Protein backbone atom coordinates (compact mmCIF):
# COMPACT_ATOMS: atom_id res chain seq x y z
CA UNK A 1 -38.81 -60.90 61.58
CA UNK A 2 -37.80 -62.01 65.05
CA UNK A 3 -34.85 -60.10 66.44
CA UNK A 4 -32.22 -62.14 68.23
CA UNK A 5 -28.66 -61.30 69.14
CA UNK A 6 -27.17 -62.57 65.88
CA UNK A 7 -29.18 -60.58 63.34
CA UNK A 8 -30.26 -57.60 65.46
CA UNK A 9 -28.71 -55.02 63.13
CA UNK A 10 -30.35 -56.59 60.07
CA UNK A 11 -33.70 -56.67 61.87
CA UNK A 12 -33.33 -53.02 62.93
CA UNK A 13 -32.39 -51.99 59.40
CA UNK A 14 -35.36 -53.86 57.95
CA UNK A 15 -37.81 -52.26 60.36
CA UNK A 16 -36.27 -48.82 59.85
CA UNK A 17 -36.39 -49.19 56.05
CA UNK A 18 -40.01 -50.30 56.26
CA UNK A 19 -40.89 -47.33 58.47
CA UNK A 20 -39.09 -44.87 56.19
CA UNK A 21 -40.70 -46.40 53.13
CA UNK A 22 -44.19 -46.01 54.61
CA UNK A 23 -43.34 -42.44 55.67
CA UNK A 24 -42.09 -41.47 52.20
CA UNK A 25 -45.04 -43.14 50.48
CA UNK A 26 -47.54 -41.35 52.74
CA UNK A 27 -45.75 -38.04 52.20
CA UNK A 28 -45.90 -38.49 48.43
CA UNK A 29 -49.64 -39.20 48.59
CA UNK A 30 -50.21 -36.03 50.64
CA UNK A 31 -48.08 -33.91 48.28
CA UNK A 32 -49.88 -35.22 45.19
CA UNK A 33 -53.25 -34.59 46.86
CA UNK A 34 -52.31 -31.01 47.77
CA UNK A 35 -51.05 -30.33 44.25
CA UNK A 36 -54.24 -31.71 42.73
CA UNK A 37 -56.35 -29.50 45.03
CA UNK A 38 -54.24 -26.47 44.05
CA UNK A 39 -54.55 -27.24 40.33
CA UNK A 40 -58.29 -27.74 40.67
CA UNK A 41 -58.63 -24.46 42.57
CA UNK A 42 -56.69 -22.62 39.87
CA UNK A 43 -58.79 -24.25 37.15
CA UNK A 44 -62.05 -23.22 38.82
CA UNK A 45 -61.22 -19.77 40.19
CA UNK A 46 -58.09 -18.70 38.37
CA UNK A 47 -55.91 -16.58 40.64
CA UNK A 48 -58.92 -15.19 42.50
CA UNK A 49 -58.95 -17.49 45.52
CA UNK A 50 -62.24 -17.56 47.36
CA UNK A 51 -64.04 -14.56 45.86
CA UNK A 52 -61.70 -11.95 47.29
CA UNK A 53 -63.93 -8.95 46.73
CA UNK A 54 -66.02 -10.04 49.73
CA UNK A 55 -63.12 -9.04 51.94
CA UNK A 56 -63.23 -5.44 50.75
CA UNK A 57 -66.94 -4.74 51.18
CA UNK A 58 -68.17 -2.25 53.74
CA UNK A 59 -71.83 -2.80 54.52
CA UNK A 60 -73.88 0.23 55.50
CA UNK A 61 -76.89 -0.86 57.55
CA UNK A 62 -78.57 2.54 57.37
CA UNK A 63 -79.42 2.46 53.67
CA UNK A 64 -78.83 -1.26 53.04
CA UNK A 65 -75.95 -0.76 50.63
CA UNK A 66 -72.50 -2.21 50.25
CA UNK A 67 -69.54 -0.05 49.27
CA UNK A 68 -66.39 -1.49 47.71
CA UNK A 69 -63.31 0.00 49.33
CA UNK A 70 -60.36 -2.03 48.11
CA UNK A 71 -60.70 -3.41 44.60
CA UNK A 72 -62.79 -3.50 41.46
CA UNK A 73 -65.70 -5.90 42.00
CA UNK A 74 -66.68 -8.50 39.44
CA UNK A 75 -69.71 -6.57 38.23
CA UNK A 76 -67.43 -3.82 36.91
CA UNK A 77 -68.41 -1.04 39.32
CA UNK A 78 -65.45 1.27 40.02
CA UNK A 79 -63.87 1.60 43.45
CA UNK A 80 -65.82 3.40 46.18
CA UNK A 81 -69.05 3.34 44.20
CA UNK A 82 -72.06 2.53 46.32
CA UNK A 83 -73.85 -0.51 44.96
CA UNK A 84 -76.97 -2.33 46.07
CA UNK A 85 -76.25 -4.99 48.67
CA UNK A 86 -76.63 -8.41 47.08
CA UNK A 87 -77.02 -10.36 50.31
CA UNK A 88 -73.77 -12.26 49.82
């Protein structure tokens, strides 16, 4: 639409509505994408995001072992038990 002095406000409103419409549409696409990623992550890993027991391992280079210091690992070994390092 060409803006002239007579319909400037209508032209401005049309452009603003178009801009806001594109902005809202893009925002909705991003929100739906983020929700789908979150649902997929929960479906694959449950509430254990990103294999959390890696964060609690203390690796001892002297005897090539890894000791869990913060949680119960997935293999069922209790806390602070020295287990063989798996290379992960």
